[in-house]
Protein backbone atom coordinates (compact mmCIF):
# COMPACT_ATOMS: atom_id res chain seq x y z
CA MET A 1 -7.98 14.14 17.10
CA THR A 2 -6.07 17.03 18.58
CA ALA A 3 -9.29 18.83 19.55
CA ALA A 4 -10.45 15.67 21.33
CA GLY A 5 -7.28 15.66 23.42
CA THR A 6 -5.62 12.62 21.87
CA LYS A 7 -2.20 12.13 23.40
CA ARG A 8 -1.34 8.58 22.40
CA ILE A 9 -1.73 6.59 19.22
CA CYS A 10 -1.08 2.86 18.93
CA LEU A 11 -1.21 1.27 15.49
CA THR A 12 -2.39 -2.31 15.83
CA GLY A 13 -5.01 -4.70 14.56
CA GLY A 14 -4.17 -7.39 12.11
CA GLU A 15 -0.55 -6.77 11.23
CA PRO A 16 0.36 -3.11 10.64
CA LEU A 17 3.57 -4.05 8.84
CA LEU A 18 1.51 -5.46 5.96
CA ARG A 19 0.66 -1.88 4.94
CA CYS A 20 3.15 -0.80 2.29
CA ASN A 21 2.70 2.89 3.21
CA LEU A 22 3.07 2.48 6.98
CA PRO A 23 5.93 5.00 7.46
CA GLU A 24 3.99 7.62 5.49
CA SER A 25 0.88 6.91 7.59
CA VAL A 26 2.87 7.38 10.81
CA THR A 27 4.28 10.65 9.49
CA ALA A 28 0.78 11.90 8.59
CA LEU A 29 -0.60 10.99 12.01
CA ARG A 30 2.31 12.70 13.77
CA GLN A 31 1.83 15.88 11.69
CA GLU A 32 -1.94 16.09 12.06
CA THR A 33 -2.13 15.45 15.79
CA SER A 34 -0.35 16.68 18.84
CA GLU A 35 0.07 13.23 20.32
CA GLU A 36 2.97 12.79 22.68
CA ASP A 37 3.40 9.07 22.12
CA SER A 38 3.09 6.88 19.05
CA SER A 39 3.58 3.14 19.05
CA LEU A 40 3.11 0.08 16.91
CA SER A 41 2.12 -3.44 17.99
CA SER A 42 3.43 -6.11 15.66
CA ASN A 43 4.82 -9.61 15.36
CA ALA A 44 7.77 -7.84 13.66
CA THR A 45 8.29 -10.40 10.93
CA ARG A 46 8.69 -7.58 8.38
CA MET A 47 10.42 -5.06 10.65
CA THR A 48 13.72 -5.21 8.79
CA ARG A 49 11.92 -3.75 5.77
CA PHE A 50 10.31 -0.88 7.69
CA ALA A 51 12.63 -0.07 10.61
CA LYS A 52 14.43 2.86 8.95
CA GLY A 53 11.23 4.42 7.62
CA LEU A 54 9.44 4.12 10.96
CA LYS A 55 12.38 5.69 12.76
CA ALA A 56 12.40 8.55 10.22
CA ALA A 57 8.63 8.92 10.77
CA ASP A 58 9.40 9.51 14.47
CA LEU A 59 7.60 6.42 15.80
CA ASN A 60 8.30 6.31 19.53
CA ARG A 61 7.91 2.63 20.37
CA VAL A 62 7.39 -0.82 18.91
CA ASN A 63 5.71 -3.54 20.95
CA ILE A 64 6.68 -6.95 19.61
CA SER A 65 4.30 -9.81 20.23
CA LEU A 66 6.46 -12.78 21.15
CA ILE A 67 3.41 -15.02 21.35
CA ALA A 68 2.75 -14.46 17.64
CA ARG A 69 6.42 -15.06 16.86
CA LYS A 70 6.30 -18.34 18.80
CA ARG A 71 3.42 -19.51 16.64
CA LEU A 72 5.63 -19.20 13.58
CA LYS A 73 7.33 -22.39 14.83
CA TYR A 74 10.89 -21.39 14.08
CA ARG A 75 13.51 -23.75 15.34
CA SER A 76 15.44 -22.11 18.16
CA ARG A 77 18.49 -21.34 15.99
CA GLU A 78 16.39 -19.73 13.28
CA ALA A 79 14.46 -17.76 15.88
CA LEU A 80 17.70 -16.44 17.33
CA ALA A 81 19.01 -15.44 13.88
CA CYS A 82 15.71 -13.72 13.10
CA SER A 83 15.76 -11.86 16.42
CA ILE A 84 19.32 -10.68 15.81
CA LYS A 85 18.35 -9.36 12.36
CA LEU A 86 15.35 -7.65 13.88
CA LEU A 87 17.39 -5.95 16.60
CA ARG A 88 19.99 -4.80 14.07
CA ALA A 89 17.29 -3.30 11.86
CA MET A 90 15.75 -1.49 14.81
CA MET A 91 19.11 -0.04 15.90
CA ARG A 92 20.14 1.28 12.46
CA ARG A 93 19.97 4.99 11.93
């Protein structure tokens, strides 16, 4: 990918957080390419499990699909609690 001039990688399609080895995959992609930007598109329902590992893997950005989260039909209180947990997980070091 480096020889082809790849500068950005976005992991998407289906739900990337269903892959149990996602942080290791991000690390491998970062090591084998010279991309300047790596991101992940997700509904983030499992982000609390992966946030630390993805940060350690040097993932630059996470795009959270709020449309997908809306489809989960959480009541507003539960959605707020879930969002707070998600933000806390993303901010942990």
